[in-house]
Amino acid sequence: MKQEDIKQLSTADLADRIKEQKNSLSKLKLNHSVSPIENPSSITANRKTVARLQTELRSRQIAEAKK
């Protein structure tokens, strides 16, 4: 997910998307521990997406606190 797409999401959508991505990441990690997945770099990509989403959510929280 690109940064431009993330910025267009509402705050509630960000929170929902974070939950979805975290669940997906958990499943990927579990599947990879049981048997190697075809594309292990998808774990890294998913982890970075979660970080981008959390960063945007946190920056919005800070912006709201300053108002």
PDB file of N, CA and C in Angstrom:
ATOM      1  N   MET A   1       0.855  -1.173   0.000  1.00  0.00           N
ATOM      2  CA  MET A   1       0.000   0.000   0.000  1.00  0.00           C
ATOM      3  C   MET A   1       0.895   1.228   0.000  1.00  0.00           C
ATOM      4  N   LYS A   2       0.582   2.139  -0.885  1.00  0.00           N
ATOM      5  CA  LYS A   2       1.396   3.335  -1.029  1.00  0.00           C
ATOM      6  C   LYS A   2       1.001   4.394   0.000  1.00  0.00           C
ATOM      7  N   GLN A   3       1.927   5.290   0.249  1.00  0.00           N
ATOM      8  CA  GLN A   3       1.708   6.339   1.241  1.00  0.00           C
ATOM      9  C   GLN A   3       0.554   7.255   0.840  1.00  0.00           C
ATOM     10  N   GLU A   4       0.406   7.523  -0.456  1.00  0.00           N
ATOM     11  CA  GLU A   4      -0.698   8.381  -0.911  1.00  0.00           C
ATOM     12  C   GLU A   4      -2.043   7.742  -0.595  1.00  0.00           C
ATOM     13  N   ASP A   5      -2.112   6.421  -0.766  1.00  0.00           N
ATOM     14  CA  ASP A   5      -3.348   5.702  -0.474  1.00  0.00           C
ATOM     15  C   ASP A   5      -3.658   5.728   1.020  1.00  0.00           C
ATOM     16  N   ILE A   6      -2.634   5.622   1.817  1.00  0.00           N
ATOM     17  CA  ILE A   6      -2.811   5.615   3.271  1.00  0.00           C
ATOM     18  C   ILE A   6      -3.324   6.960   3.751  1.00  0.00           C
ATOM     19  N   LYS A   7      -2.795   8.043   3.198  1.00  0.00           N
ATOM     20  CA  LYS A   7      -3.208   9.383   3.625  1.00  0.00           C
ATOM     21  C   LYS A   7      -4.657   9.673   3.278  1.00  0.00           C
ATOM     22  N   GLN A   8      -5.209   9.007   2.272  1.00  0.00           N
ATOM     23  CA  GLN A   8      -6.586   9.236   1.860  1.00  0.00           C
ATOM     24  C   GLN A   8      -7.592   8.501   2.740  1.00  0.00           C
ATOM     25  N   LEU A   9      -7.135   7.536   3.532  1.00  0.00           N
ATOM     26  CA  LEU A   9      -8.035   6.780   4.395  1.00  0.00           C
ATOM     27  C   LEU A   9      -8.473   7.616   5.591  1.00  0.00           C
ATOM     28  N   SER A  10      -9.666   7.344   6.075  1.00  0.00           N
ATOM     29  CA  SER A  10     -10.118   8.017   7.296  1.00  0.00           C
ATOM     30  C   SER A  10      -9.443   7.351   8.493  1.00  0.00           C
ATOM     31  N   THR A  11      -9.544   7.978   9.635  1.00  0.00           N
ATOM     32  CA  THR A  11      -8.901   7.451  10.841  1.00  0.00           C
ATOM     33  C   THR A  11      -9.491   6.099  11.226  1.00  0.00           C
ATOM     34  N   ALA A  12     -10.798   5.960  11.114  1.00  0.00           N
ATOM     35  CA  ALA A  12     -11.436   4.679  11.440  1.00  0.00           C
ATOM     36  C   ALA A  12     -10.994   3.589  10.469  1.00  0.00           C
ATOM     37  N   ASP A  13     -10.874   3.954   9.194  1.00  0.00           N
ATOM     38  CA  ASP A  13     -10.405   2.988   8.196  1.00  0.00           C
ATOM     39  C   ASP A  13      -8.963   2.572   8.476  1.00  0.00           C
ATOM     40  N   LEU A  14      -8.161   3.514   8.931  1.00  0.00           N
ATOM     41  CA  LEU A  14      -6.772   3.189   9.283  1.00  0.00           C
ATOM     42  C   LEU A  14      -6.729   2.141  10.382  1.00  0.00           C
ATOM     43  N   ALA A  15      -7.523   2.336  11.413  1.00  0.00           N
ATOM     44  CA  ALA A  15      -7.540   1.387  12.533  1.00  0.00           C
ATOM     45  C   ALA A  15      -7.986   0.003  12.068  1.00  0.00           C
ATOM     46  N   ASP A  16      -9.008  -0.032  11.210  1.00  0.00           N
ATOM     47  CA  ASP A  16      -9.481  -1.315  10.681  1.00  0.00           C
ATOM     48  C   ASP A  16      -8.420  -1.978   9.819  1.00  0.00           C
ATOM     49  N   ARG A  17      -7.777  -1.191   8.986  1.00  0.00           N
ATOM     50  CA  ARG A  17      -6.756  -1.722   8.093  1.00  0.00           C
ATOM     51  C   ARG A  17      -5.566  -2.248   8.891  1.00  0.00           C
ATOM     52  N   ILE A  18      -5.214  -1.580   9.995  1.00  0.00           N
ATOM     53  CA  ILE A  18      -4.118  -2.054  10.843  1.00  0.00           C
ATOM     54  C   ILE A  18      -4.456  -3.429  11.405  1.00  0.00           C
ATOM     55  N   LYS A  19      -5.682  -3.598  11.888  1.00  0.00           N
ATOM     56  CA  LYS A  19      -6.093  -4.905  12.428  1.00  0.00           C
ATOM     57  C   LYS A  19      -6.007  -5.989  11.362  1.00  0.00           C
ATOM     58  N   GLU A  20      -6.503  -5.689  10.168  1.00  0.00           N
ATOM     59  CA  GLU A  20      -6.477  -6.659   9.081  1.00  0.00           C
ATOM     60  C   GLU A  20      -5.051  -7.049   8.720  1.00  0.00           C
ATOM     61  N   GLN A  21      -4.188  -6.043   8.595  1.00  0.00           N
ATOM     62  CA  GLN A  21      -2.799  -6.309   8.207  1.00  0.00           C
ATOM     63  C   GLN A  21      -2.054  -7.088   9.286  1.00  0.00           C
ATOM     64  N   LYS A  22      -2.334  -6.785  10.550  1.00  0.00           N
ATOM     65  CA  LYS A  22      -1.683  -7.523  11.640  1.00  0.00           C
ATOM     66  C   LYS A  22      -2.120  -8.984  11.642  1.00  0.00           C
ATOM     67  N   ASN A  23      -3.419  -9.219  11.404  1.00  0.00           N
ATOM     68  CA  ASN A  23      -3.903 -10.595  11.323  1.00  0.00           C
ATOM     69  C   ASN A  23      -3.256 -11.326  10.154  1.00  0.00           C
ATOM     70  N   SER A  24      -3.156 -10.661   9.035  1.00  0.00           N
ATOM     71  CA  SER A  24      -2.528 -11.245   7.862  1.00  0.00           C
ATOM     72  C   SER A  24      -1.059 -11.572   8.131  1.00  0.00           C
ATOM     73  N   LEU A  25      -0.381 -10.660   8.808  1.00  0.00           N
ATOM     74  CA  LEU A  25       1.026 -10.878   9.147  1.00  0.00           C
ATOM     75  C   LEU A  25       1.180 -12.072  10.078  1.00  0.00           C
ATOM     76  N   SER A  26       0.305 -12.202  11.048  1.00  0.00           N
ATOM     77  CA  SER A  26       0.351 -13.340  11.971  1.00  0.00           C
ATOM     78  C   SER A  26       0.179 -14.658  11.224  1.00  0.00           C
ATOM     79  N   LYS A  27      -0.778 -14.678  10.300  1.00  0.00           N
ATOM     80  CA  LYS A  27      -1.015 -15.892   9.518  1.00  0.00           C
ATOM     81  C   LYS A  27       0.182 -16.230   8.647  1.00  0.00           C
ATOM     82  N   LEU A  28       0.769 -15.205   8.030  1.00  0.00           N
ATOM     83  CA  LEU A  28       1.952 -15.439   7.196  1.00  0.00           C
ATOM     84  C   LEU A  28       3.101 -16.019   8.017  1.00  0.00           C
ATOM     85  N   LYS A  29       3.327 -15.457   9.183  1.00  0.00           N
ATOM     86  CA  LYS A  29       4.413 -15.944  10.044  1.00  0.00           C
ATOM     87  C   LYS A  29       4.163 -17.382  10.481  1.00  0.00           C
ATOM     88  N   LEU A  30       2.919 -17.695  10.833  1.00  0.00           N
ATOM     89  CA  LEU A  30       2.588 -19.049  11.258  1.00  0.00           C
ATOM     90  C   LEU A  30       2.773 -20.031  10.106  1.00  0.00           C
ATOM     91  N   ASN A  31       2.256 -19.676   8.938  1.00  0.00           N
ATOM     92  CA  ASN A  31       2.411 -20.548   7.775  1.00  0.00           C
ATOM     93  C   ASN A  31       3.879 -20.748   7.418  1.00  0.00           C
ATOM     94  N   HIS A  32       4.669 -19.709   7.565  1.00  0.00           N
ATOM     95  CA  HIS A  32       6.089 -19.803   7.242  1.00  0.00           C
ATOM     96  C   HIS A  32       6.833 -20.674   8.254  1.00  0.00           C
ATOM     97  N   SER A  33       6.401 -20.650   9.500  1.00  0.00           N
ATOM     98  CA  SER A  33       7.079 -21.477  10.504  1.00  0.00           C
ATOM     99  C   SER A  33       6.743 -22.954  10.322  1.00  0.00           C
ATOM    100  N   VAL A  34       5.549 -23.237   9.829  1.00  0.00           N
ATOM    101  CA  VAL A  34       5.147 -24.623   9.613  1.00  0.00           C
ATOM    102  C   VAL A  34       5.829 -25.185   8.363  1.00  0.00           C
ATOM    103  N   SER A  35       5.695 -24.464   7.272  1.00  0.00           N
ATOM    104  CA  SER A  35       6.368 -24.858   6.036  1.00  0.00           C
ATOM    105  C   SER A  35       6.743 -23.583   5.295  1.00  0.00           C
ATOM    106  N   PRO A  36       7.912 -23.555   4.712  1.00  0.00           N
ATOM    107  CA  PRO A  36       8.370 -22.323   4.048  1.00  0.00           C
ATOM    108  C   PRO A  36       7.382 -21.861   2.971  1.00  0.00           C
ATOM    109  N   ILE A  37       7.064 -20.573   3.003  1.00  0.00           N
ATOM    110  CA  ILE A  37       6.172 -20.033   1.983  1.00  0.00           C
ATOM    111  C   ILE A  37       6.980 -19.686   0.741  1.00  0.00           C
ATOM    112  N   GLU A  38       6.280 -19.562  -0.396  1.00  0.00           N
ATOM    113  CA  GLU A  38       6.965 -19.303  -1.663  1.00  0.00           C
ATOM    114  C   GLU A  38       7.719 -17.988  -1.676  1.00  0.00           C
ATOM    115  N   ASN A  39       7.083 -16.943  -1.125  1.00  0.00           N
ATOM    116  CA  ASN A  39       7.674 -15.611  -1.187  1.00  0.00           C
ATOM    117  C   ASN A  39       7.843 -15.049   0.230  1.00  0.00           C
ATOM    118  N   PRO A  40       8.946 -15.356   0.901  1.00  0.00           N
ATOM    119  CA  PRO A  40       9.129 -14.872   2.266  1.00  0.00           C
ATOM    120  C   PRO A  40       9.268 -13.354   2.362  1.00  0.00           C
ATOM    121  N   SER A  41       9.533 -12.686   1.251  1.00  0.00           N
ATOM    122  CA  SER A  41       9.631 -11.229   1.298  1.00  0.00           C
ATOM    123  C   SER A  41       8.261 -10.585   1.504  1.00  0.00           C
ATOM    124  N   SER A  42       7.190 -11.358   1.335  1.00  0.00           N
ATOM    125  CA  SER A  42       5.851 -10.823   1.585  1.00  0.00           C
ATOM    126  C   SER A  42       5.666 -10.533   3.070  1.00  0.00           C
ATOM    127  N   ILE A  43       6.372 -11.255   3.921  1.00  0.00           N
ATOM    128  CA  ILE A  43       6.320 -10.990   5.367  1.00  0.00           C
ATOM    129  C   ILE A  43       6.904  -9.605   5.643  1.00  0.00           C
ATOM    130  N   THR A  44       8.026  -9.322   5.033  1.00  0.00           N
ATOM    131  CA  THR A  44       8.669  -8.023   5.209  1.00  0.00           C
ATOM    132  C   THR A  44       7.793  -6.901   4.671  1.00  0.00           C
ATOM    133  N   ALA A  45       7.213  -7.104   3.508  1.00  0.00           N
ATOM    134  CA  ALA A  45       6.352  -6.092   2.900  1.00  0.00           C
ATOM    135  C   ALA A  45       5.130  -5.826   3.774  1.00  0.00           C
ATOM    136  N   ASN A  46       4.568  -6.884   4.321  1.00  0.00           N
ATOM    137  CA  ASN A  46       3.397  -6.749   5.182  1.00  0.00           C
ATOM    138  C   ASN A  46       3.759  -6.005   6.468  1.00  0.00           C
ATOM    139  N   ARG A  47       4.917  -6.328   7.030  1.00  0.00           N
ATOM    140  CA  ARG A  47       5.367  -5.663   8.253  1.00  0.00           C
ATOM    141  C   ARG A  47       5.588  -4.167   8.018  1.00  0.00           C
ATOM    142  N   LYS A  48       6.129  -3.823   6.865  1.00  0.00           N
ATOM    143  CA  LYS A  48       6.356  -2.416   6.536  1.00  0.00           C
ATOM    144  C   LYS A  48       5.035  -1.681   6.309  1.00  0.00           C
ATOM    145  N   THR A  49       4.058  -2.358   5.744  1.00  0.00           N
ATOM    146  CA  THR A  49       2.741  -1.750   5.548  1.00  0.00           C
ATOM    147  C   THR A  49       2.098  -1.442   6.894  1.00  0.00           C
ATOM    148  N   VAL A  50       2.218  -2.368   7.834  1.00  0.00           N
ATOM    149  CA  VAL A  50       1.680  -2.139   9.179  1.00  0.00           C
ATOM    150  C   VAL A  50       2.364  -0.929   9.804  1.00  0.00           C
ATOM    151  N   ALA A  51       3.652  -0.818   9.635  1.00  0.00           N
ATOM    152  CA  ALA A  51       4.393   0.309  10.203  1.00  0.00           C
ATOM    153  C   ALA A  51       3.956   1.624   9.573  1.00  0.00           C
ATOM    154  N   ARG A  52       3.734   1.628   8.261  1.00  0.00           N
ATOM    155  CA  ARG A  52       3.274   2.850   7.589  1.00  0.00           C
ATOM    156  C   ARG A  52       1.906   3.278   8.106  1.00  0.00           C
ATOM    157  N   LEU A  53       1.009   2.306   8.264  1.00  0.00           N
ATOM    158  CA  LEU A  53      -0.331   2.601   8.758  1.00  0.00           C
ATOM    159  C   LEU A  53      -0.284   3.149  10.182  1.00  0.00           C
ATOM    160  N   GLN A  54       0.529   2.518  11.028  1.00  0.00           N
ATOM    161  CA  GLN A  54       0.635   2.971  12.414  1.00  0.00           C
ATOM    162  C   GLN A  54       1.256   4.356  12.498  1.00  0.00           C
ATOM    163  N   THR A  55       2.215   4.643  11.641  1.00  0.00           N
ATOM    164  CA  THR A  55       2.853   5.958  11.626  1.00  0.00           C
ATOM    165  C   THR A  55       1.846   7.040  11.260  1.00  0.00           C
ATOM    166  N   GLU A  56       1.035   6.781  10.248  1.00  0.00           N
ATOM    167  CA  GLU A  56       0.028   7.757   9.829  1.00  0.00           C
ATOM    168  C   GLU A  56      -1.012   7.968  10.930  1.00  0.00           C
ATOM    169  N   LEU A  57      -1.438   6.884  11.565  1.00  0.00           N
ATOM    170  CA  LEU A  57      -2.417   6.999  12.647  1.00  0.00           C
ATOM    171  C   LEU A  57      -1.844   7.812  13.803  1.00  0.00           C
ATOM    172  N   ARG A  58      -0.604   7.560  14.148  1.00  0.00           N
ATOM    173  CA  ARG A  58       0.038   8.289  15.248  1.00  0.00           C
ATOM    174  C   ARG A  58       0.214   9.766  14.901  1.00  0.00           C
ATOM    175  N   SER A  59       0.586  10.069  13.669  1.00  0.00           N
ATOM    176  CA  SER A  59       0.753  11.473  13.288  1.00  0.00           C
ATOM    177  C   SER A  59      -0.578  12.211  13.336  1.00  0.00           C
ATOM    178  N   ARG A  60      -1.655  11.526  13.002  1.00  0.00           N
ATOM    179  CA  ARG A  60      -2.977  12.150  13.111  1.00  0.00           C
ATOM    180  C   ARG A  60      -3.356  12.384  14.567  1.00  0.00           C
ATOM    181  N   GLN A  61      -3.009  11.453  15.441  1.00  0.00           N
ATOM    182  CA  GLN A  61      -3.295  11.625  16.862  1.00  0.00           C
ATOM    183  C   GLN A  61      -2.523  12.810  17.427  1.00  0.00           C
ATOM    184  N   ILE A  62      -1.279  12.961  17.024  1.00  0.00           N
ATOM    185  CA  ILE A  62      -0.465  14.082  17.495  1.00  0.00           C
ATOM    186  C   ILE A  62      -1.027  15.401  16.974  1.00  0.00           C
ATOM    187  N   ALA A  63      -1.458  15.422  15.707  1.00  0.00           N
ATOM    188  CA  ALA A  63      -2.027  16.620  15.122  1.00  0.00           C
ATOM    189  C   ALA A  63      -3.314  17.025  15.848  1.00  0.00           C
ATOM    190  N   GLU A  64      -4.121  16.070  16.223  1.00  0.00           N
ATOM    191  CA  GLU A  64      -5.358  16.349  16.955  1.00  0.00           C
ATOM    192  C   GLU A  64      -5.061  16.874  18.349  1.00  0.00           C
ATOM    193  N   ALA A  65      -4.020  16.359  18.974  1.00  0.00           N
ATOM    194  CA  ALA A  65      -3.662  16.779  20.328  1.00  0.00           C
ATOM    195  C   ALA A  65      -3.162  18.226  20.334  1.00  0.00           C
ATOM    196  N   LYS A  66      -2.526  18.656  19.259  1.00  0.00           N
ATOM    197  CA  LYS A  66      -1.988  20.018  19.186  1.00  0.00           C
ATOM    198  C   LYS A  66      -3.075  21.063  18.971  1.00  0.00           C
ATOM    199  N   LYS A  67      -4.232  20.618  18.456  1.00  0.00           N
ATOM    200  CA  LYS A  67      -5.299  21.598  18.169  1.00  0.00           C
ATOM    201  C   LYS A  67      -5.985  22.088  19.404  1.00  0.00           C
TER     202      LYS A  67
END
